[in-house]
Amino acid sequence: MSKHQKSFQLTIQQIDLIEEAVRERIGILAHVVLASGDANSEESRANDGQIRDLNELLGSLHNQKIFYSQVNRTGVPGG
């Protein structure tokens, strides 16, 4: 049985591209819900679920980023 790779090597530009594509897809799904006018339809509920999943993906990508800031001699980020 094959195992999934646990880590990936992506550049900042590749991560940005993924985030832009996910945001674009969220916009398309949200537009479909608004254009249908029926937020209780089966399609709208399915789109809401996909939007939620995509937002969780964006959150996961954000939480895995390492943000660097200037650190002074005490090891505390300076402002």
Protein backbone atom coordinates (compact mmCIF):
# COMPACT_ATOMS: atom_id res chain seq x y z
CA MET A 1 0.00 0.00 0.00
CA SER A 2 1.40 3.39 -0.93
CA LYS A 3 1.83 6.18 1.59
CA HIS A 4 1.04 9.83 1.04
CA GLN A 5 3.80 12.39 1.15
CA LYS A 6 3.57 14.35 4.41
CA SER A 7 5.33 17.53 3.30
CA PHE A 8 5.64 19.52 0.11
CA GLN A 9 8.20 21.98 -1.21
CA LEU A 10 6.32 24.95 -2.69
CA THR A 11 7.58 28.45 -3.43
CA ILE A 12 5.88 31.58 -2.12
CA GLN A 13 4.67 32.28 -5.66
CA GLN A 14 3.11 28.82 -5.91
CA ILE A 15 1.32 29.24 -2.58
CA ASP A 16 0.04 32.67 -3.71
CA LEU A 17 -1.22 31.12 -6.94
CA ILE A 18 -3.05 28.39 -5.02
CA GLU A 19 -4.62 30.95 -2.68
CA GLU A 20 -5.74 33.14 -5.60
CA ALA A 21 -7.30 30.14 -7.35
CA VAL A 22 -9.15 29.08 -4.20
CA ARG A 23 -10.46 32.63 -3.64
CA GLU A 24 -11.59 32.78 -7.28
CA ARG A 25 -13.47 29.48 -6.86
CA ILE A 26 -15.12 30.77 -3.67
CA GLY A 27 -16.26 33.86 -5.58
CA ILE A 28 -17.73 31.76 -8.38
CA LEU A 29 -19.59 29.50 -5.95
CA ALA A 30 -20.92 32.48 -3.99
CA HIS A 31 -22.08 34.16 -7.20
CA VAL A 32 -24.01 31.02 -8.20
CA VAL A 33 -25.80 31.04 -4.83
CA LEU A 34 -26.68 34.73 -5.14
CA ALA A 35 -27.76 34.44 -8.77
CA SER A 36 -30.08 31.51 -8.05
CA GLY A 37 -32.02 33.57 -5.49
CA ASP A 38 -32.85 30.42 -3.53
CA ALA A 39 -30.44 29.98 -0.64
CA ASN A 40 -32.31 26.85 0.47
CA SER A 41 -31.92 24.90 -2.76
CA GLU A 42 -29.86 21.71 -2.82
CA GLU A 43 -27.29 23.36 -5.12
CA SER A 44 -26.95 26.34 -2.79
CA ARG A 45 -26.41 24.10 0.23
CA ALA A 46 -23.80 22.09 -1.71
CA ASN A 47 -22.04 25.31 -2.73
CA ASP A 48 -22.12 26.54 0.87
CA GLY A 49 -20.39 23.33 1.94
CA GLN A 50 -17.72 23.73 -0.75
CA ILE A 51 -17.20 27.39 0.23
CA ARG A 52 -16.75 26.32 3.86
CA ASP A 53 -14.23 23.63 2.85
CA LEU A 54 -12.29 26.09 0.66
CA ASN A 55 -12.20 28.67 3.46
CA GLU A 56 -10.83 25.99 5.79
CA LEU A 57 -8.16 25.23 3.17
CA LEU A 58 -7.19 28.91 3.03
CA GLY A 59 -7.00 28.97 6.82
CA SER A 60 -4.82 25.88 6.85
CA LEU A 61 -2.44 27.38 4.29
CA HIS A 62 -2.28 30.60 6.29
CA ASN A 63 -1.59 28.79 9.56
CA GLN A 64 1.31 26.85 8.03
CA LYS A 65 3.13 29.98 6.88
CA ILE A 66 6.07 31.19 8.89
CA PHE A 67 5.97 34.94 9.30
CA TYR A 68 9.29 36.62 9.95
CA SER A 69 9.72 39.90 11.77
CA GLN A 70 12.66 41.84 13.02
CA VAL A 71 13.83 40.45 16.36
CA ASN A 72 16.00 42.43 18.78
CA ARG A 73 18.63 41.08 21.19
CA THR A 74 16.04 39.91 23.73
CA GLY A 75 14.42 37.65 21.15
CA VAL A 76 11.22 39.68 21.22
CA PRO A 77 9.93 41.05 17.88
CA GLY A 78 10.50 44.78 17.66
CA GLY A 79 8.18 47.33 16.23
